[in-house]
Structures are given as C-alpha cells and as structure tokens.
C-alpha cells in the first residue's frame, strides 16, 4: 500500500484502487490507467485483450445462409504478430501454406501494422473457401506507444513479434 500511496501522490482513494487492482490481476496481469472523462476514479477488470480496432474486413466474419454474423471467432488460433506492413501476398502466402499443412486443425490470427488489400484478399479467399480459418486485425495506431502495444499483444498471446527491427523477419517465419 505504501508504494501505491507514493505512486498516487498520496491520494488515498487512487492508492486503494491501485492496490485492489494489483491484488486482483496478480503478478502476470497488466494494469492500464487512463484519465476518466467523467472525473470519477473507478476500477474495471477486463479478462483477455481488448483492442480499439476489429478485423480489417467483415468478410472474415461467419455467415449462415444469407445472414452474416458480425463476429469472428477463432478457437485456439496460431497468432502472428507483425510490427510492419504486409503489402504483398508473397509475404503472407508461405505462412498460410505452412499453417494449412503443418497445423490443419488450427486457425490463424494475423495482427499487423497494416494489412494491405492484396494479402488481405488472399486471406479472405482462404477463409471463405474454408481452406484456412483466419482473421486479420490492424494494430491500433497510438503515436509513440505502438511498439509497446505490439509487444503486449505478443506477450498476452504467446506470440513472437516479427519486425525488421528485431531478429525475426516475416520472410524467416
């Protein structure tokens, strides 16, 4: 509680909420503090990962008959986190083929800085033809913290960041 008091500039209300949050999420949890638009101090627990953006195309959603479900549900997907733009099919095609052949019962979630139209179309085709269940999302763009968001997503999903600045590049996957 003393650390929480110092961190909150001795605001006992904030310190109590931070202490409660730390106990609730445990050592492996992530705490995110944001300014409230209402001015009230509150605690909200979110299990899992919440992103500001969703899938890059509604064509990744499921469809039953003529009715499209606006949700994309992947159970135990393989997760590819790419900190760069995916602009060409050649960048993603080997990965799609590898998942289809080496993990045929698994789905694939691609999280990238920006998935362009051509590689996205290839993923949508695979998804719609039920060749490979997959989905893609673009990383929320928040100036200065995008690399941290990428790292957080990778840590929370058990993925490795693929980035030209790091050791692992997309063509090496």
N, C-alpha and C. Protein backbone atom coordinates (compact mmCIF):
# COMPACT_ATOMS: atom_id res chain seq x y z
N UNK A 1 0.83 -1.20 0.00
CA UNK A 1 0.00 0.00 0.00
C UNK A 1 0.87 1.26 0.00
N UNK A 2 2.05 1.19 0.62
CA UNK A 2 2.92 2.37 0.66
C UNK A 2 3.36 2.77 -0.73
N UNK A 3 3.72 1.78 -1.58
CA UNK A 3 4.12 2.08 -2.95
C UNK A 3 2.96 2.73 -3.70
N UNK A 4 1.75 2.22 -3.48
CA UNK A 4 0.57 2.79 -4.14
C UNK A 4 0.33 4.22 -3.68
N UNK A 5 0.55 4.51 -2.39
CA UNK A 5 0.38 5.87 -1.88
C UNK A 5 1.36 6.83 -2.55
N UNK A 6 2.62 6.44 -2.63
CA UNK A 6 3.63 7.29 -3.24
C UNK A 6 3.32 7.48 -4.73
N UNK A 7 2.97 6.37 -5.42
CA UNK A 7 2.68 6.42 -6.85
C UNK A 7 1.48 7.29 -7.17
N UNK A 8 0.55 7.37 -6.25
CA UNK A 8 -0.66 8.15 -6.50
C UNK A 8 -0.58 9.56 -5.92
N UNK A 9 0.64 9.99 -5.57
CA UNK A 9 0.84 11.31 -5.00
C UNK A 9 0.02 11.48 -3.70
N UNK A 10 -0.03 10.41 -2.94
CA UNK A 10 -0.69 10.35 -1.64
C UNK A 10 -2.21 10.58 -1.70
N UNK A 11 -2.79 10.23 -2.83
CA UNK A 11 -4.25 10.25 -2.95
C UNK A 11 -4.74 8.88 -2.48
N UNK A 12 -5.33 8.83 -1.30
CA UNK A 12 -5.70 7.56 -0.68
C UNK A 12 -6.73 6.78 -1.50
N UNK A 13 -7.64 7.47 -2.15
CA UNK A 13 -8.66 6.82 -2.97
C UNK A 13 -8.00 6.09 -4.15
N UNK A 14 -7.13 6.79 -4.86
CA UNK A 14 -6.42 6.19 -6.00
C UNK A 14 -5.52 5.06 -5.52
N UNK A 15 -4.82 5.27 -4.41
CA UNK A 15 -3.92 4.25 -3.86
C UNK A 15 -4.69 2.97 -3.52
N UNK A 16 -5.87 3.10 -2.96
CA UNK A 16 -6.68 1.92 -2.61
C UNK A 16 -7.11 1.17 -3.87
N UNK A 17 -7.49 1.90 -4.90
CA UNK A 17 -7.91 1.27 -6.16
C UNK A 17 -6.73 0.57 -6.81
N UNK A 18 -5.57 1.21 -6.83
CA UNK A 18 -4.38 0.58 -7.42
C UNK A 18 -4.01 -0.68 -6.65
N UNK A 19 -4.04 -0.62 -5.33
CA UNK A 19 -3.72 -1.79 -4.51
C UNK A 19 -4.70 -2.93 -4.77
N UNK A 20 -5.99 -2.60 -4.84
CA UNK A 20 -7.01 -3.62 -5.13
C UNK A 20 -6.78 -4.23 -6.52
N UNK A 21 -6.44 -3.38 -7.47
CA UNK A 21 -6.19 -3.85 -8.83
C UNK A 21 -4.98 -4.79 -8.87
N UNK A 22 -3.93 -4.43 -8.19
CA UNK A 22 -2.72 -5.25 -8.17
C UNK A 22 -3.01 -6.62 -7.56
N UNK A 23 -3.79 -6.65 -6.51
CA UNK A 23 -4.15 -7.93 -5.90
C UNK A 23 -5.02 -8.75 -6.84
N UNK A 24 -5.94 -8.09 -7.53
CA UNK A 24 -6.87 -8.78 -8.43
C UNK A 24 -6.17 -9.38 -9.64
N UNK A 25 -5.29 -8.63 -10.30
CA UNK A 25 -4.67 -9.12 -11.53
C UNK A 25 -3.46 -10.01 -11.26
N UNK A 26 -2.86 -9.90 -10.11
CA UNK A 26 -1.72 -10.75 -9.78
C UNK A 26 -0.45 -10.31 -10.50
N UNK A 27 0.58 -11.14 -10.36
CA UNK A 27 1.90 -10.80 -10.92
C UNK A 27 1.93 -10.83 -12.44
N UNK A 28 1.05 -11.62 -13.06
CA UNK A 28 1.05 -11.74 -14.52
C UNK A 28 0.08 -10.79 -15.20
N UNK A 29 -0.64 -10.01 -14.43
CA UNK A 29 -1.64 -9.12 -15.01
C UNK A 29 -1.05 -7.82 -15.50
N UNK A 30 -1.84 -7.10 -16.25
CA UNK A 30 -1.44 -5.80 -16.78
C UNK A 30 -2.41 -4.76 -16.25
N UNK A 31 -1.88 -3.65 -15.77
CA UNK A 31 -2.71 -2.57 -15.26
C UNK A 31 -2.56 -1.39 -16.20
N UNK A 32 -3.68 -0.86 -16.64
CA UNK A 32 -3.68 0.28 -17.53
C UNK A 32 -4.50 1.38 -16.87
N UNK A 33 -3.88 2.51 -16.62
CA UNK A 33 -4.59 3.63 -16.01
C UNK A 33 -4.82 4.69 -17.07
N UNK A 34 -6.05 5.13 -17.17
CA UNK A 34 -6.39 6.19 -18.12
C UNK A 34 -7.20 7.26 -17.41
N UNK A 35 -7.19 8.43 -17.98
CA UNK A 35 -7.97 9.52 -17.42
C UNK A 35 -9.44 9.30 -17.74
N UNK A 36 -10.27 9.45 -16.75
CA UNK A 36 -11.71 9.24 -16.93
C UNK A 36 -12.36 10.50 -17.47
N UNK A 37 -13.22 10.36 -18.48
CA UNK A 37 -13.93 11.54 -19.00
C UNK A 37 -14.96 12.08 -18.01
N UNK A 38 -15.33 11.24 -17.03
CA UNK A 38 -16.34 11.67 -16.05
C UNK A 38 -15.71 12.29 -14.81
N UNK A 39 -14.39 12.14 -14.66
CA UNK A 39 -13.73 12.68 -13.48
C UNK A 39 -13.80 11.74 -12.28
N UNK A 40 -14.49 10.62 -12.43
CA UNK A 40 -14.61 9.66 -11.33
C UNK A 40 -13.46 8.66 -11.42
N UNK A 41 -13.01 8.22 -10.25
CA UNK A 41 -11.97 7.20 -10.18
C UNK A 41 -12.66 5.87 -10.03
N UNK A 42 -12.34 4.93 -10.93
CA UNK A 42 -13.01 3.64 -10.90
C UNK A 42 -12.08 2.52 -11.33
N UNK A 43 -12.49 1.32 -11.06
CA UNK A 43 -11.73 0.11 -11.37
C UNK A 43 -12.60 -0.75 -12.29
N UNK A 44 -12.03 -1.20 -13.40
CA UNK A 44 -12.76 -2.09 -14.31
C UNK A 44 -11.83 -3.24 -14.68
N UNK A 45 -12.27 -4.45 -14.45
CA UNK A 45 -11.48 -5.63 -14.75
C UNK A 45 -11.88 -6.16 -16.12
N UNK A 46 -10.89 -6.38 -16.98
CA UNK A 46 -11.13 -6.94 -18.30
C UNK A 46 -10.31 -8.22 -18.40
N UNK A 47 -10.98 -9.33 -18.60
CA UNK A 47 -10.28 -10.59 -18.82
C UNK A 47 -9.99 -10.72 -20.30
N UNK A 48 -8.74 -10.89 -20.64
CA UNK A 48 -8.38 -11.02 -22.03
C UNK A 48 -7.78 -9.73 -22.56
N UNK A 49 -7.87 -9.59 -23.85
CA UNK A 49 -7.24 -8.48 -24.55
C UNK A 49 -8.31 -7.70 -25.29
N UNK A 50 -8.32 -6.40 -25.11
CA UNK A 50 -9.29 -5.55 -25.79
C UNK A 50 -8.51 -4.58 -26.68
N UNK A 51 -8.85 -4.55 -27.95
CA UNK A 51 -8.20 -3.66 -28.90
C UNK A 51 -9.20 -2.63 -29.39
N UNK A 52 -8.70 -1.48 -29.76
CA UNK A 52 -9.57 -0.40 -30.24
C UNK A 52 -10.09 -0.65 -31.64
N UNK A 53 -9.50 -1.58 -32.35
CA UNK A 53 -9.92 -1.89 -33.71
C UNK A 53 -10.34 -3.35 -33.80
N UNK A 54 -11.09 -3.66 -34.83
CA UNK A 54 -11.50 -5.04 -35.06
C UNK A 54 -10.88 -5.58 -36.32
N UNK A 55 -11.51 -6.58 -36.87
CA UNK A 55 -10.98 -7.21 -38.08
C UNK A 55 -10.93 -6.20 -39.23
N UNK A 56 -10.02 -6.44 -40.16
CA UNK A 56 -9.82 -5.48 -41.26
C UNK A 56 -10.89 -5.59 -42.34
N UNK A 57 -11.63 -6.69 -42.35
CA UNK A 57 -12.70 -6.87 -43.33
C UNK A 57 -13.83 -7.68 -42.71
N UNK A 58 -15.05 -7.27 -42.95
CA UNK A 58 -16.17 -8.05 -42.43
C UNK A 58 -16.29 -9.40 -43.13
N UNK A 59 -15.53 -9.60 -44.18
CA UNK A 59 -15.55 -10.89 -44.87
C UNK A 59 -14.86 -11.98 -44.05
N UNK A 60 -14.21 -11.60 -42.95
CA UNK A 60 -13.65 -12.59 -42.04
C UNK A 60 -14.71 -13.13 -41.07
N UNK A 61 -15.87 -12.52 -41.06
CA UNK A 61 -16.92 -12.96 -40.14
C UNK A 61 -17.61 -14.20 -40.69
N UNK A 62 -18.33 -14.88 -39.82
CA UNK A 62 -19.02 -16.10 -40.24
C UNK A 62 -20.36 -15.75 -40.89
N UNK A 63 -20.81 -16.62 -41.73
CA UNK A 63 -22.07 -16.40 -42.43
C UNK A 63 -22.87 -17.69 -42.42
N UNK A 64 -24.14 -17.56 -42.03
CA UNK A 64 -25.04 -18.71 -42.04
C UNK A 64 -26.18 -18.38 -42.99
N UNK A 65 -26.23 -19.08 -44.10
CA UNK A 65 -27.25 -18.79 -45.11
C UNK A 65 -27.02 -17.41 -45.68
N UNK A 66 -28.06 -16.59 -45.69
CA UNK A 66 -27.94 -15.22 -46.21
C UNK A 66 -27.65 -14.21 -45.12
N UNK A 67 -27.49 -14.67 -43.88
CA UNK A 67 -27.30 -13.76 -42.76
C UNK A 67 -25.84 -13.79 -42.30
N UNK A 68 -25.20 -12.62 -42.24
CA UNK A 68 -23.81 -12.53 -41.81
C UNK A 68 -23.77 -12.21 -40.32
N UNK A 69 -22.98 -13.01 -39.59
CA UNK A 69 -22.73 -12.77 -38.19
C UNK A 69 -21.54 -11.82 -38.11
N UNK A 70 -21.65 -10.72 -37.41
CA UNK A 70 -20.58 -9.73 -37.39
C UNK A 70 -19.46 -10.07 -36.41
N UNK A 71 -19.40 -11.31 -35.98
CA UNK A 71 -18.33 -11.75 -35.09
C UNK A 71 -17.41 -12.70 -35.84
N UNK A 72 -16.16 -12.66 -35.46
CA UNK A 72 -15.19 -13.60 -35.99
C UNK A 72 -14.62 -14.35 -34.79
N UNK A 73 -14.92 -15.62 -34.70
CA UNK A 73 -14.48 -16.41 -33.57
C UNK A 73 -13.48 -17.45 -34.02
N UNK A 74 -12.30 -17.40 -33.41
CA UNK A 74 -11.25 -18.36 -33.70
C UNK A 74 -10.92 -19.07 -32.38
N UNK A 75 -10.97 -20.38 -32.39
CA UNK A 75 -10.67 -21.12 -31.18
C UNK A 75 -9.22 -21.58 -31.21
N UNK A 76 -8.47 -21.21 -30.20
CA UNK A 76 -7.06 -21.57 -30.07
C UNK A 76 -6.27 -21.29 -31.35
N UNK A 77 -6.32 -20.06 -31.85
CA UNK A 77 -5.62 -19.77 -33.10
C UNK A 77 -4.11 -19.67 -32.92
N UNK A 78 -3.40 -19.90 -33.98
CA UNK A 78 -2.00 -19.52 -34.04
C UNK A 78 -2.01 -18.02 -34.24
N UNK A 79 -1.12 -17.30 -33.59
CA UNK A 79 -1.12 -15.84 -33.67
C UNK A 79 0.19 -15.36 -34.28
N UNK A 80 0.07 -14.58 -35.32
CA UNK A 80 1.22 -13.97 -35.98
C UNK A 80 1.15 -12.47 -35.73
N UNK A 81 2.13 -11.93 -35.02
CA UNK A 81 2.18 -10.50 -34.71
C UNK A 81 3.30 -9.88 -35.52
N UNK A 82 2.92 -9.00 -36.45
CA UNK A 82 3.87 -8.38 -37.37
C UNK A 82 3.86 -6.88 -37.11
N UNK A 83 5.01 -6.34 -36.77
CA UNK A 83 5.11 -4.92 -36.44
C UNK A 83 5.29 -4.05 -37.67
N UNK A 84 5.20 -4.64 -38.83
CA UNK A 84 5.37 -3.91 -40.09
C UNK A 84 4.11 -4.05 -40.94
N UNK A 85 4.13 -3.38 -42.09
CA UNK A 85 3.03 -3.51 -43.04
C UNK A 85 3.21 -4.80 -43.83
N UNK A 86 2.10 -5.46 -44.12
CA UNK A 86 2.10 -6.62 -45.01
C UNK A 86 1.48 -6.13 -46.30
N UNK A 87 2.33 -5.95 -47.32
CA UNK A 87 1.88 -5.30 -48.54
C UNK A 87 1.74 -6.26 -49.71
N UNK A 88 2.40 -7.42 -49.63
CA UNK A 88 2.41 -8.35 -50.76
C UNK A 88 1.96 -9.74 -50.33
N UNK A 89 1.30 -10.44 -51.24
CA UNK A 89 0.88 -11.82 -50.97
C UNK A 89 2.09 -12.68 -50.66
N UNK A 90 3.20 -12.42 -51.32
CA UNK A 90 4.42 -13.22 -51.12
C UNK A 90 4.90 -13.19 -49.67
N UNK A 91 4.54 -12.15 -48.94
CA UNK A 91 4.94 -12.06 -47.54
C UNK A 91 4.12 -13.00 -46.65
N UNK A 92 2.88 -13.23 -47.00
CA UNK A 92 1.98 -13.99 -46.13
C UNK A 92 1.69 -15.40 -46.66
N UNK A 93 1.80 -15.62 -47.96
CA UNK A 93 1.45 -16.91 -48.56
C UNK A 93 2.22 -18.09 -47.96
N UNK A 94 3.53 -17.99 -47.73
CA UNK A 94 4.23 -19.14 -47.14
C UNK A 94 3.72 -19.49 -45.73
N UNK A 95 3.31 -18.47 -45.01
CA UNK A 95 2.79 -18.70 -43.65
C UNK A 95 1.42 -19.37 -43.73
N UNK A 96 0.57 -18.92 -44.64
CA UNK A 96 -0.74 -19.55 -44.82
C UNK A 96 -0.57 -21.01 -45.22
N UNK A 97 0.35 -21.27 -46.14
CA UNK A 97 0.62 -22.65 -46.58
C UNK A 97 1.15 -23.50 -45.43
N UNK A 98 2.03 -22.94 -44.63
CA UNK A 98 2.59 -23.68 -43.50
C UNK A 98 1.50 -24.05 -42.49
N UNK A 99 0.62 -23.12 -42.19
CA UNK A 99 -0.46 -23.40 -41.25
C UNK A 99 -1.39 -24.47 -41.82
N UNK A 100 -1.72 -24.36 -43.12
CA UNK A 100 -2.61 -25.35 -43.76
C UNK A 100 -2.02 -26.75 -43.72
N UNK A 101 -0.71 -26.87 -43.91
CA UNK A 101 -0.11 -28.20 -43.98
C UNK A 101 0.36 -28.73 -42.63
N UNK A 102 0.94 -27.89 -41.81
CA UNK A 102 1.51 -28.36 -40.54
C UNK A 102 0.55 -28.29 -39.36
N UNK A 103 -0.47 -27.46 -39.45
CA UNK A 103 -1.45 -27.33 -38.37
C UNK A 103 -2.85 -27.21 -38.98
N UNK A 104 -3.31 -28.25 -39.70
CA UNK A 104 -4.56 -28.14 -40.45
C UNK A 104 -5.81 -27.92 -39.59
N UNK A 105 -5.75 -28.24 -38.32
CA UNK A 105 -6.92 -28.06 -37.45
C UNK A 105 -6.88 -26.76 -36.67
N UNK A 106 -5.89 -25.91 -36.96
CA UNK A 106 -5.76 -24.66 -36.23
C UNK A 106 -6.15 -23.50 -37.13
N UNK A 107 -6.57 -22.43 -36.52
CA UNK A 107 -6.88 -21.20 -37.25
C UNK A 107 -5.70 -20.24 -37.08
N UNK A 108 -5.76 -19.12 -37.80
CA UNK A 108 -4.67 -18.16 -37.79
C UNK A 108 -5.21 -16.75 -37.58
N UNK A 109 -4.63 -16.05 -36.64
CA UNK A 109 -4.92 -14.64 -36.42
C UNK A 109 -3.67 -13.85 -36.76
N UNK A 110 -3.80 -12.92 -37.70
CA UNK A 110 -2.67 -12.07 -38.09
C UNK A 110 -2.92 -10.68 -37.53
N UNK A 111 -1.99 -10.22 -36.73
CA UNK A 111 -2.05 -8.87 -36.16
C UNK A 111 -0.88 -8.11 -36.78
N UNK A 112 -1.18 -7.04 -37.50
CA UNK A 112 -0.11 -6.32 -38.19
C UNK A 112 -0.34 -4.81 -38.12
N UNK A 113 0.71 -4.09 -38.47
CA UNK A 113 0.59 -2.63 -38.53
C UNK A 113 -0.44 -2.24 -39.58
N UNK A 114 -0.36 -2.90 -40.73
CA UNK A 114 -1.30 -2.60 -41.81
C UNK A 114 -1.30 -3.75 -42.80
N UNK A 115 -2.42 -4.41 -42.94
CA UNK A 115 -2.57 -5.48 -43.93
C UNK A 115 -3.22 -4.87 -45.16
N UNK A 116 -2.48 -4.85 -46.25
CA UNK A 116 -2.96 -4.22 -47.47
C UNK A 116 -3.95 -5.12 -48.21
N UNK A 117 -4.57 -4.58 -49.25
CA UNK A 117 -5.68 -5.24 -49.95
C UNK A 117 -5.32 -6.59 -50.56
N UNK A 118 -4.18 -6.68 -51.23
CA UNK A 118 -3.82 -7.92 -51.93
C UNK A 118 -3.62 -9.10 -50.95
N UNK A 119 -2.80 -8.96 -49.91
CA UNK A 119 -2.67 -10.08 -48.97
C UNK A 119 -3.96 -10.34 -48.19
N UNK A 120 -4.72 -9.27 -47.92
CA UNK A 120 -6.00 -9.45 -47.23
C UNK A 120 -6.95 -10.27 -48.09
N UNK A 121 -6.99 -10.00 -49.39
CA UNK A 121 -7.86 -10.76 -50.30
C UNK A 121 -7.50 -12.23 -50.29
N UNK A 122 -6.22 -12.53 -50.23
CA UNK A 122 -5.78 -13.93 -50.17
C UNK A 122 -6.27 -14.60 -48.90
N UNK A 123 -6.18 -13.89 -47.78
CA UNK A 123 -6.67 -14.45 -46.51
C UNK A 123 -8.18 -14.62 -46.53
N UNK A 124 -8.89 -13.63 -47.07
CA UNK A 124 -10.35 -13.72 -47.15
C UNK A 124 -10.76 -14.91 -48.02
N UNK A 125 -10.08 -15.10 -49.14
CA UNK A 125 -10.37 -16.23 -50.03
C UNK A 125 -10.20 -17.55 -49.27
N UNK A 126 -9.08 -17.71 -48.58
CA UNK A 126 -8.83 -18.92 -47.80
C UNK A 126 -9.91 -19.13 -46.75
N UNK A 127 -10.34 -18.04 -46.13
CA UNK A 127 -11.35 -18.13 -45.08
C UNK A 127 -12.72 -18.51 -45.67
N UNK A 128 -13.12 -17.83 -46.73
CA UNK A 128 -14.45 -18.07 -47.31
C UNK A 128 -14.56 -19.44 -47.96
N UNK A 129 -13.48 -19.94 -48.53
CA UNK A 129 -13.49 -21.27 -49.16
C UNK A 129 -13.22 -22.37 -48.14
N UNK A 130 -13.10 -21.97 -46.87
CA UNK A 130 -12.85 -22.89 -45.75
C UNK A 130 -11.57 -23.70 -45.95
N UNK A 131 -10.61 -23.09 -46.62
CA UNK A 131 -9.29 -23.69 -46.77
C UNK A 131 -8.51 -23.50 -45.48
N UNK A 132 -8.64 -22.31 -44.89
CA UNK A 132 -7.99 -21.98 -43.63
C UNK A 132 -8.84 -20.94 -42.91
N UNK A 133 -9.22 -21.26 -41.69
CA UNK A 133 -9.97 -20.30 -40.88
C UNK A 133 -8.98 -19.26 -40.37
N UNK A 134 -9.21 -18.01 -40.77
CA UNK A 134 -8.26 -16.97 -40.39
C UNK A 134 -8.96 -15.62 -40.26
N UNK A 135 -8.23 -14.70 -39.65
CA UNK A 135 -8.72 -13.34 -39.49
C UNK A 135 -7.51 -12.43 -39.36
N UNK A 136 -7.67 -11.17 -39.68
CA UNK A 136 -6.59 -10.20 -39.56
C UNK A 136 -7.10 -8.93 -38.90
N UNK A 137 -6.27 -8.37 -38.06
CA UNK A 137 -6.58 -7.08 -37.45
C UNK A 137 -5.35 -6.19 -37.58
N UNK A 138 -5.60 -4.90 -37.71
CA UNK A 138 -4.51 -3.93 -37.71
C UNK A 138 -4.32 -3.42 -36.29
N UNK A 139 -3.08 -3.19 -35.95
CA UNK A 139 -2.74 -2.71 -34.62
C UNK A 139 -3.26 -1.29 -34.47
N UNK A 140 -3.87 -0.98 -33.34
CA UNK A 140 -4.32 0.41 -33.14
C UNK A 140 -3.13 1.36 -33.22
N UNK A 141 -3.31 2.47 -33.88
CA UNK A 141 -2.23 3.42 -34.03
C UNK A 141 -2.34 4.47 -32.93
N UNK A 142 -1.43 4.39 -31.99
CA UNK A 142 -1.34 5.39 -30.93
C UNK A 142 0.09 5.90 -30.94
N UNK A 143 0.27 7.13 -31.34
CA UNK A 143 1.61 7.69 -31.52
C UNK A 143 2.49 7.43 -30.30
N UNK A 144 3.65 6.88 -30.56
CA UNK A 144 4.63 6.68 -29.51
C UNK A 144 4.50 5.39 -28.72
N UNK A 145 3.35 4.73 -28.76
CA UNK A 145 3.19 3.52 -27.95
C UNK A 145 2.85 2.29 -28.79
N UNK A 146 2.92 2.41 -30.10
CA UNK A 146 2.54 1.27 -30.94
C UNK A 146 3.46 0.07 -30.70
N UNK A 147 4.74 0.29 -30.55
CA UNK A 147 5.67 -0.82 -30.30
C UNK A 147 5.34 -1.51 -28.98
N UNK A 148 4.95 -0.74 -27.98
CA UNK A 148 4.57 -1.31 -26.69
C UNK A 148 3.29 -2.14 -26.82
N UNK A 149 2.34 -1.65 -27.62
CA UNK A 149 1.09 -2.40 -27.85
C UNK A 149 1.41 -3.72 -28.54
N UNK A 150 2.28 -3.67 -29.53
CA UNK A 150 2.68 -4.88 -30.26
C UNK A 150 3.30 -5.88 -29.30
N UNK A 151 4.20 -5.42 -28.47
CA UNK A 151 4.86 -6.30 -27.50
C UNK A 151 3.85 -6.88 -26.52
N UNK A 152 2.92 -6.05 -26.04
CA UNK A 152 1.88 -6.53 -25.12
C UNK A 152 1.03 -7.61 -25.76
N UNK A 153 0.64 -7.40 -27.01
CA UNK A 153 -0.18 -8.40 -27.72
C UNK A 153 0.59 -9.70 -27.84
N UNK A 154 1.85 -9.61 -28.20
CA UNK A 154 2.67 -10.82 -28.34
C UNK A 154 2.81 -11.55 -27.00
N UNK A 155 3.06 -10.82 -25.94
CA UNK A 155 3.20 -11.45 -24.62
C UNK A 155 1.89 -12.11 -24.19
N UNK A 156 0.78 -11.42 -24.39
CA UNK A 156 -0.51 -11.95 -23.94
C UNK A 156 -0.98 -13.15 -24.77
N UNK A 157 -0.52 -13.25 -26.00
CA UNK A 157 -0.96 -14.36 -26.85
C UNK A 157 0.08 -15.46 -26.98
N UNK A 158 1.27 -15.24 -26.43
CA UNK A 158 2.32 -16.23 -26.55
C UNK A 158 3.02 -16.19 -27.90
N UNK A 159 2.84 -15.10 -28.63
CA UNK A 159 3.44 -14.97 -29.96
C UNK A 159 4.81 -14.31 -29.86
N UNK A 160 5.54 -14.35 -30.95
CA UNK A 160 6.81 -13.64 -31.08
C UNK A 160 6.61 -12.50 -32.07
N UNK A 161 7.14 -11.34 -31.75
CA UNK A 161 7.00 -10.19 -32.64
C UNK A 161 7.89 -10.38 -33.86
N UNK A 162 7.30 -10.23 -35.03
CA UNK A 162 8.03 -10.26 -36.29
C UNK A 162 8.20 -8.80 -36.70
N UNK A 163 9.45 -8.35 -36.79
CA UNK A 163 9.70 -6.94 -37.06
C UNK A 163 11.08 -6.81 -37.68
N UNK A 164 11.21 -5.96 -38.66
CA UNK A 164 12.51 -5.75 -39.30
C UNK A 164 13.54 -5.18 -38.32
N UNK A 165 13.06 -4.55 -37.24
CA UNK A 165 13.99 -4.02 -36.24
C UNK A 165 14.48 -5.10 -35.28
N UNK A 166 13.74 -6.20 -35.17
CA UNK A 166 14.12 -7.28 -34.28
C UNK A 166 14.83 -8.37 -35.07
N UNK A 167 15.13 -9.46 -34.41
CA UNK A 167 15.86 -10.57 -35.03
C UNK A 167 15.00 -11.30 -36.05
N UNK A 168 13.72 -11.49 -35.78
CA UNK A 168 12.85 -12.30 -36.62
C UNK A 168 12.14 -11.44 -37.67
N UNK A 169 12.36 -11.75 -38.92
CA UNK A 169 11.71 -11.04 -40.01
C UNK A 169 10.60 -11.92 -40.59
N UNK A 170 9.64 -11.32 -41.25
CA UNK A 170 8.48 -12.03 -41.78
C UNK A 170 8.88 -13.16 -42.72
N UNK A 171 9.86 -12.93 -43.57
CA UNK A 171 10.27 -13.97 -44.51
C UNK A 171 10.99 -15.13 -43.82
N UNK A 172 11.38 -14.96 -42.55
CA UNK A 172 12.05 -16.02 -41.80
C UNK A 172 11.10 -16.90 -41.01
N UNK A 173 9.83 -16.55 -41.00
CA UNK A 173 8.85 -17.31 -40.20
C UNK A 173 8.56 -18.63 -40.87
